[in-house]
Amino acid sequence: MIAETSPQLIIASHNAGKIKEFQQVLGTHWRVQPQADFGVTEAEETGSTFVENALIKARHACSLTGHAALADDSGLVVPALDGAPGLRSARYSGSSYEDNNTLLLNNMAALQGASRQAFYIAVVVLLRDAQDPTPLIAEGRWHGRIADAPRGKGGFGYDPIFVPEGGSLHAAELSSAEKNRMSHRAKAINSLLALAND
């Protein structure tokens, strides 16, 4: 259980899946709260890289809450599609997760073998305050491939069609504990924790 004296950390996201993962991994280190608890709206993601967008979101949350904030920008990268969905992963189809998956499968219908390789990437940024000149920045990648059809009910985003490297289960078939051991976000958070304790 987290003590009231533990430092407070605002998660600069309204994505319920991300918030849950952050709370599970970071909850023993900080008192983690989503920015919605403070009435903070989503920041406009105007950056051209994952790092820029994560910084924008973290600084936005810091400015409006007065607390340290953590943000991530993440996505799915398919090299054979010139990096798409990439920065537009959440808005790939302009609609739901299911529609994003369907669009990606359609766009990859003619691709086979190594051309179906993909990786998730997460860039995590921790700002102690809005003017923090030395933000902590960490990155994690989760390599795998895109399946031919969705499977599983867990996770979110592209998890139903993403098969992690070295396995046969889709990410959406993994338990939360299994995903938190190997995912791109878990790797980024663990790297961030190492930086924070350095």
C-alpha atoms as a PDB file:
ATOM      1  CA  MET A   1       0.000   0.000   0.000  1.00  0.00           C
ATOM      2  CA  ILE A   2       1.257   3.477  -0.922  1.00  0.00           C
ATOM      3  CA  ALA A   3       1.921   5.860   1.935  1.00  0.00           C
ATOM      4  CA  GLU A   4       0.416   9.336   1.832  1.00  0.00           C
ATOM      5  CA  THR A   5       3.975  10.670   1.941  1.00  0.00           C
ATOM      6  CA  SER A   6       4.814   8.970  -1.361  1.00  0.00           C
ATOM      7  CA  PRO A   7       5.322  11.477  -4.177  1.00  0.00           C
ATOM      8  CA  GLN A   8       2.319  12.216  -6.353  1.00  0.00           C
ATOM      9  CA  LEU A   9       2.524  11.515 -10.053  1.00  0.00           C
ATOM     10  CA  ILE A  10      -0.029  12.605 -12.628  1.00  0.00           C
ATOM     11  CA  ILE A  11      -0.545  10.361 -15.641  1.00  0.00           C
ATOM     12  CA  ALA A  12      -1.001  12.649 -18.631  1.00  0.00           C
ATOM     13  CA  SER A  13      -3.478  10.459 -20.465  1.00  0.00           C
ATOM     14  CA  HIS A  14      -7.184   9.740 -20.761  1.00  0.00           C
ATOM     15  CA  ASN A  15      -6.539   6.286 -22.240  1.00  0.00           C
ATOM     16  CA  ALA A  16      -7.966   3.833 -19.691  1.00  0.00           C
ATOM     17  CA  GLY A  17      -5.743   0.983 -20.896  1.00  0.00           C
ATOM     18  CA  LYS A  18      -2.555   3.020 -20.546  1.00  0.00           C
ATOM     19  CA  ILE A  19      -3.572   4.403 -17.158  1.00  0.00           C
ATOM     20  CA  LYS A  20      -4.229   0.895 -15.837  1.00  0.00           C
ATOM     21  CA  GLU A  21      -0.816  -0.320 -17.030  1.00  0.00           C
ATOM     22  CA  PHE A  22       0.937   2.677 -15.471  1.00  0.00           C
ATOM     23  CA  GLN A  23      -0.885   2.205 -12.165  1.00  0.00           C
ATOM     24  CA  GLN A  24       0.033  -1.491 -12.066  1.00  0.00           C
ATOM     25  CA  VAL A  25       3.727  -0.879 -12.737  1.00  0.00           C
ATOM     26  CA  LEU A  26       4.274   2.457 -10.948  1.00  0.00           C
ATOM     27  CA  GLY A  27       1.862   2.124  -8.042  1.00  0.00           C
ATOM     28  CA  THR A  28       4.546   0.912  -5.623  1.00  0.00           C
ATOM     29  CA  HIS A  29       6.692   3.990  -6.259  1.00  0.00           C
ATOM     30  CA  TRP A  30       4.252   6.907  -6.462  1.00  0.00           C
ATOM     31  CA  ARG A  31       0.685   7.891  -5.704  1.00  0.00           C
ATOM     32  CA  VAL A  32      -0.507   7.651  -9.289  1.00  0.00           C
ATOM     33  CA  GLN A  33      -3.535   9.623 -10.475  1.00  0.00           C
ATOM     34  CA  PRO A  34      -4.897  10.227 -13.967  1.00  0.00           C
ATOM     35  CA  GLN A  35      -5.056  13.825 -15.145  1.00  0.00           C
ATOM     36  CA  ALA A  36      -8.838  13.577 -15.454  1.00  0.00           C
ATOM     37  CA  ASP A  37      -9.015  13.653 -11.624  1.00  0.00           C
ATOM     38  CA  PHE A  38      -7.779  17.248 -11.895  1.00  0.00           C
ATOM     39  CA  GLY A  39     -10.022  18.228 -14.790  1.00  0.00           C
ATOM     40  CA  VAL A  40      -7.105  18.279 -17.233  1.00  0.00           C
ATOM     41  CA  THR A  41      -8.095  17.848 -20.873  1.00  0.00           C
ATOM     42  CA  GLU A  42      -6.038  16.146 -23.555  1.00  0.00           C
ATOM     43  CA  ALA A  43      -3.119  18.171 -24.915  1.00  0.00           C
ATOM     44  CA  GLU A  44      -2.954  18.761 -28.647  1.00  0.00           C
ATOM     45  CA  GLU A  45      -0.271  16.456 -30.027  1.00  0.00           C
ATOM     46  CA  THR A  46       1.539  18.689 -32.494  1.00  0.00           C
ATOM     47  CA  GLY A  47       4.959  17.021 -32.346  1.00  0.00           C
ATOM     48  CA  SER A  48       6.584  15.198 -35.240  1.00  0.00           C
ATOM     49  CA  THR A  49       8.151  12.496 -33.046  1.00  0.00           C
ATOM     50  CA  PHE A  50       7.068  10.302 -30.146  1.00  0.00           C
ATOM     51  CA  VAL A  51       9.445  12.222 -27.829  1.00  0.00           C
ATOM     52  CA  GLU A  52       7.994  15.601 -28.762  1.00  0.00           C
ATOM     53  CA  ASN A  53       4.415  14.465 -28.200  1.00  0.00           C
ATOM     54  CA  ALA A  54       5.239  12.892 -24.828  1.00  0.00           C
ATOM     55  CA  LEU A  55       6.919  16.118 -23.694  1.00  0.00           C
ATOM     56  CA  ILE A  56       3.925  18.186 -24.816  1.00  0.00           C
ATOM     57  CA  LYS A  57       1.524  15.991 -22.840  1.00  0.00           C
ATOM     58  CA  ALA A  58       3.665  15.873 -19.682  1.00  0.00           C
ATOM     59  CA  ARG A  59       4.254  19.637 -19.663  1.00  0.00           C
ATOM     60  CA  HIS A  60       0.536  20.282 -20.188  1.00  0.00           C
ATOM     61  CA  ALA A  61      -0.374  18.125 -17.162  1.00  0.00           C
ATOM     62  CA  CYS A  62       2.375  19.674 -15.009  1.00  0.00           C
ATOM     63  CA  SER A  63       1.277  23.205 -15.854  1.00  0.00           C
ATOM     64  CA  LEU A  64      -2.350  22.589 -14.954  1.00  0.00           C
ATOM     65  CA  THR A  65      -1.879  20.474 -11.816  1.00  0.00           C
ATOM     66  CA  GLY A  66       1.332  21.751 -10.251  1.00  0.00           C
ATOM     67  CA  HIS A  67       2.474  18.143  -9.755  1.00  0.00           C
ATOM     68  CA  ALA A  68       5.077  15.937 -11.407  1.00  0.00           C
ATOM     69  CA  ALA A  69       3.655  14.312 -14.514  1.00  0.00           C
ATOM     70  CA  LEU A  70       4.382  11.285 -16.618  1.00  0.00           C
ATOM     71  CA  ALA A  71       3.338  10.949 -20.236  1.00  0.00           C
ATOM     72  CA  ASP A  72       3.986   8.490 -22.958  1.00  0.00           C
ATOM     73  CA  ASP A  73       3.579   8.569 -26.667  1.00  0.00           C
ATOM     74  CA  SER A  74       3.419   5.187 -28.234  1.00  0.00           C
ATOM     75  CA  GLY A  75       2.426   3.413 -31.376  1.00  0.00           C
ATOM     76  CA  LEU A  76       2.801   0.462 -33.667  1.00  0.00           C
ATOM     77  CA  VAL A  77       5.419   0.561 -36.415  1.00  0.00           C
ATOM     78  CA  VAL A  78       5.305  -1.681 -39.486  1.00  0.00           C
ATOM     79  CA  PRO A  79       8.546  -1.212 -41.474  1.00  0.00           C
ATOM     80  CA  ALA A  80       6.973  -2.680 -44.630  1.00  0.00           C
ATOM     81  CA  LEU A  81       4.371   0.116 -44.529  1.00  0.00           C
ATOM     82  CA  ASP A  82       7.038   2.831 -44.219  1.00  0.00           C
ATOM     83  CA  GLY A  83       6.531   2.950 -40.460  1.00  0.00           C
ATOM     84  CA  ALA A  84       2.736   3.232 -40.450  1.00  0.00           C
ATOM     85  CA  PRO A  85       0.572   3.441 -38.393  1.00  0.00           C
ATOM     86  CA  GLY A  86       3.383   5.113 -36.355  1.00  0.00           C
ATOM     87  CA  LEU A  87       2.516   8.468 -34.802  1.00  0.00           C
ATOM     88  CA  ARG A  88      -1.055   8.084 -36.051  1.00  0.00           C
ATOM     89  CA  SER A  89      -1.583   4.670 -34.432  1.00  0.00           C
ATOM     90  CA  ALA A  90      -4.510   5.757 -32.260  1.00  0.00           C
ATOM     91  CA  ARG A  91      -6.131   7.668 -35.150  1.00  0.00           C
ATOM     92  CA  TYR A  92      -5.195   5.344 -37.998  1.00  0.00           C
ATOM     93  CA  SER A  93      -8.747   4.742 -39.219  1.00  0.00           C
ATOM     94  CA  GLY A  94     -10.229   7.837 -37.611  1.00  0.00           C
ATOM     95  CA  SER A  95     -12.492   5.559 -35.592  1.00  0.00           C
ATOM     96  CA  SER A  96     -12.252   2.694 -33.071  1.00  0.00           C
ATOM     97  CA  TYR A  97      -9.517   0.232 -32.087  1.00  0.00           C
ATOM     98  CA  GLU A  98     -11.400  -2.449 -34.015  1.00  0.00           C
ATOM     99  CA  ASP A  99     -11.495  -0.290 -37.138  1.00  0.00           C
ATOM    100  CA  ASN A 100      -7.772   0.476 -36.765  1.00  0.00           C
ATOM    101  CA  ASN A 101      -7.043  -3.253 -36.662  1.00  0.00           C
ATOM    102  CA  THR A 102      -9.261  -3.930 -39.674  1.00  0.00           C
ATOM    103  CA  LEU A 103      -7.615  -1.169 -41.712  1.00  0.00           C
ATOM    104  CA  LEU A 104      -4.122  -2.406 -40.847  1.00  0.00           C
ATOM    105  CA  LEU A 105      -5.003  -6.003 -41.750  1.00  0.00           C
ATOM    106  CA  ASN A 106      -6.450  -4.813 -45.067  1.00  0.00           C
ATOM    107  CA  ASN A 107      -3.331  -2.752 -45.807  1.00  0.00           C
ATOM    108  CA  MET A 108      -1.140  -5.778 -45.064  1.00  0.00           C
ATOM    109  CA  ALA A 109      -3.242  -8.368 -46.885  1.00  0.00           C
ATOM    110  CA  ALA A 110      -0.623  -8.890 -49.615  1.00  0.00           C
ATOM    111  CA  LEU A 111       2.337  -9.023 -47.216  1.00  0.00           C
ATOM    112  CA  GLN A 112       3.798 -12.336 -46.093  1.00  0.00           C
ATOM    113  CA  GLY A 113       6.679 -13.636 -43.974  1.00  0.00           C
ATOM    114  CA  ALA A 114       9.215 -11.071 -42.813  1.00  0.00           C
ATOM    115  CA  SER A 115       7.130  -8.277 -44.330  1.00  0.00           C
ATOM    116  CA  ARG A 116       4.656  -8.749 -41.474  1.00  0.00           C
ATOM    117  CA  GLN A 117       7.240  -7.853 -38.830  1.00  0.00           C
ATOM    118  CA  ALA A 118       6.265  -4.961 -36.563  1.00  0.00           C
ATOM    119  CA  PHE A 119       7.107  -3.425 -33.237  1.00  0.00           C
ATOM    120  CA  TYR A 120       5.394  -1.391 -30.592  1.00  0.00           C
ATOM    121  CA  ILE A 121       7.329   1.624 -29.343  1.00  0.00           C
ATOM    122  CA  ALA A 122       6.734   3.681 -26.205  1.00  0.00           C
ATOM    123  CA  VAL A 123       8.559   6.848 -25.222  1.00  0.00           C
ATOM    124  CA  VAL A 124       7.959   7.814 -21.590  1.00  0.00           C
ATOM    125  CA  VAL A 125       8.705  11.257 -20.184  1.00  0.00           C
ATOM    126  CA  LEU A 126       8.744  12.318 -16.529  1.00  0.00           C
ATOM    127  CA  LEU A 127       8.685  16.037 -15.704  1.00  0.00           C
ATOM    128  CA  ARG A 128       9.112  17.135 -12.099  1.00  0.00           C
ATOM    129  CA  ASP A 129       7.507  20.497 -12.925  1.00  0.00           C
ATOM    130  CA  ALA A 130       6.428  22.372 -16.042  1.00  0.00           C
ATOM    131  CA  GLN A 131       9.800  24.140 -16.375  1.00  0.00           C
ATOM    132  CA  ASP A 132      11.928  21.052 -15.696  1.00  0.00           C
ATOM    133  CA  PRO A 133      15.041  21.520 -17.885  1.00  0.00           C
ATOM    134  CA  THR A 134      16.173  17.907 -17.490  1.00  0.00           C
ATOM    135  CA  PRO A 135      13.182  15.624 -18.086  1.00  0.00           C
ATOM    136  CA  LEU A 136      13.694  11.900 -17.684  1.00  0.00           C
ATOM    137  CA  ILE A 137      13.116  10.203 -21.041  1.00  0.00           C
ATOM    138  CA  ALA A 138      13.082   6.463 -21.705  1.00  0.00           C
ATOM    139  CA  GLU A 139      12.117   4.258 -24.616  1.00  0.00           C
ATOM    140  CA  GLY A 140      10.919   0.684 -24.916  1.00  0.00           C
ATOM    141  CA  ARG A 141      10.272  -1.523 -27.940  1.00  0.00           C
ATOM    142  CA  TRP A 142       8.312  -4.760 -28.220  1.00  0.00           C
ATOM    143  CA  HIS A 143       9.066  -6.719 -31.382  1.00  0.00           C
ATOM    144  CA  GLY A 144       6.755  -9.167 -33.093  1.00  0.00           C
ATOM    145  CA  ARG A 145       4.600  -9.614 -36.161  1.00  0.00           C
ATOM    146  CA  ILE A 146       1.099  -8.834 -37.362  1.00  0.00           C
ATOM    147  CA  ALA A 147      -1.187 -11.861 -37.481  1.00  0.00           C
ATOM    148  CA  ASP A 148      -3.680 -12.589 -40.261  1.00  0.00           C
ATOM    149  CA  ALA A 149      -6.687 -12.163 -37.977  1.00  0.00           C
ATOM    150  CA  PRO A 150      -7.465 -10.854 -34.470  1.00  0.00           C
ATOM    151  CA  ARG A 151      -7.508 -13.106 -31.420  1.00  0.00           C
ATOM    152  CA  GLY A 152      -8.001 -12.550 -27.696  1.00  0.00           C
ATOM    153  CA  LYS A 153     -10.063 -10.233 -25.502  1.00  0.00           C
ATOM    154  CA  GLY A 154      -7.396  -8.556 -23.339  1.00  0.00           C
ATOM    155  CA  GLY A 155      -5.224  -5.497 -23.778  1.00  0.00           C
ATOM    156  CA  PHE A 156      -6.179  -2.666 -26.105  1.00  0.00           C
ATOM    157  CA  GLY A 157      -5.122  -1.038 -29.361  1.00  0.00           C
ATOM    158  CA  TYR A 158      -3.492  -3.453 -31.783  1.00  0.00           C
ATOM    159  CA  ASP A 159      -3.042  -6.213 -29.183  1.00  0.00           C
ATOM    160  CA  PRO A 160      -5.556  -8.574 -30.883  1.00  0.00           C
ATOM    161  CA  ILE A 161      -3.414  -8.719 -34.046  1.00  0.00           C
ATOM    162  CA  PHE A 162       0.086  -8.378 -32.555  1.00  0.00           C
ATOM    163  CA  VAL A 163       2.050 -11.583 -31.898  1.00  0.00           C
ATOM    164  CA  PRO A 164       5.130 -10.960 -29.708  1.00  0.00           C
ATOM    165  CA  GLU A 165       8.453 -12.298 -30.934  1.00  0.00           C
ATOM    166  CA  GLY A 166       9.231 -15.839 -29.813  1.00  0.00           C
ATOM    167  CA  GLY A 167       5.631 -16.758 -28.999  1.00  0.00           C
ATOM    168  CA  SER A 168       2.385 -17.839 -30.602  1.00  0.00           C
ATOM    169  CA  LEU A 169      -0.116 -16.039 -28.377  1.00  0.00           C
ATOM    170  CA  HIS A 170      -1.481 -12.699 -29.491  1.00  0.00           C
ATOM    171  CA  ALA A 171      -0.848  -9.800 -27.081  1.00  0.00           C
ATOM    172  CA  ALA A 172      -4.588  -9.704 -26.364  1.00  0.00           C
ATOM    173  CA  GLU A 173      -4.358 -13.288 -25.057  1.00  0.00           C
ATOM    174  CA  LEU A 174      -1.719 -12.454 -22.440  1.00  0.00           C
ATOM    175  CA  SER A 175      -2.580 -11.774 -18.812  1.00  0.00           C
ATOM    176  CA  SER A 176      -1.920  -8.282 -17.458  1.00  0.00           C
ATOM    177  CA  ALA A 177       1.029  -9.655 -15.482  1.00  0.00           C
ATOM    178  CA  GLU A 178       2.541 -11.288 -18.579  1.00  0.00           C
ATOM    179  CA  LYS A 179       2.087  -8.160 -20.677  1.00  0.00           C
ATOM    180  CA  ASN A 180       3.561  -5.959 -17.938  1.00  0.00           C
ATOM    181  CA  ARG A 181       6.717  -8.098 -17.976  1.00  0.00           C
ATOM    182  CA  MET A 182       7.421  -7.787 -21.685  1.00  0.00           C
ATOM    183  CA  SER A 183       5.580  -4.882 -23.288  1.00  0.00           C
ATOM    184  CA  HIS A 184       7.106  -1.774 -24.800  1.00  0.00           C
ATOM    185  CA  ARG A 185       5.512   0.353 -22.076  1.00  0.00           C
ATOM    186  CA  ALA A 186       6.857  -1.889 -19.304  1.00  0.00           C
ATOM    187  CA  LYS A 187      10.360  -1.734 -20.797  1.00  0.00           C
ATOM    188  CA  ALA A 188      10.184   2.065 -21.042  1.00  0.00           C
ATOM    189  CA  ILE A 189       8.915   2.396 -17.469  1.00  0.00           C
ATOM    190  CA  ASN A 190      11.614   0.095 -16.101  1.00  0.00           C
ATOM    191  CA  SER A 191      14.258   2.146 -17.902  1.00  0.00           C
ATOM    192  CA  LEU A 192      12.709   5.317 -16.499  1.00  0.00           C
ATOM    193  CA  LEU A 193      12.767   3.905 -12.963  1.00  0.00           C
ATOM    194  CA  ALA A 194      16.461   3.089 -13.378  1.00  0.00           C
ATOM    195  CA  LEU A 195      17.089   6.695 -14.434  1.00  0.00           C
ATOM    196  CA  ALA A 196      15.037   8.041 -11.546  1.00  0.00           C
ATOM    197  CA  ASN A 197      17.049   5.968  -9.061  1.00  0.00           C
ATOM    198  CA  ASP A 198      20.413   6.776 -10.629  1.00  0.00           C
END
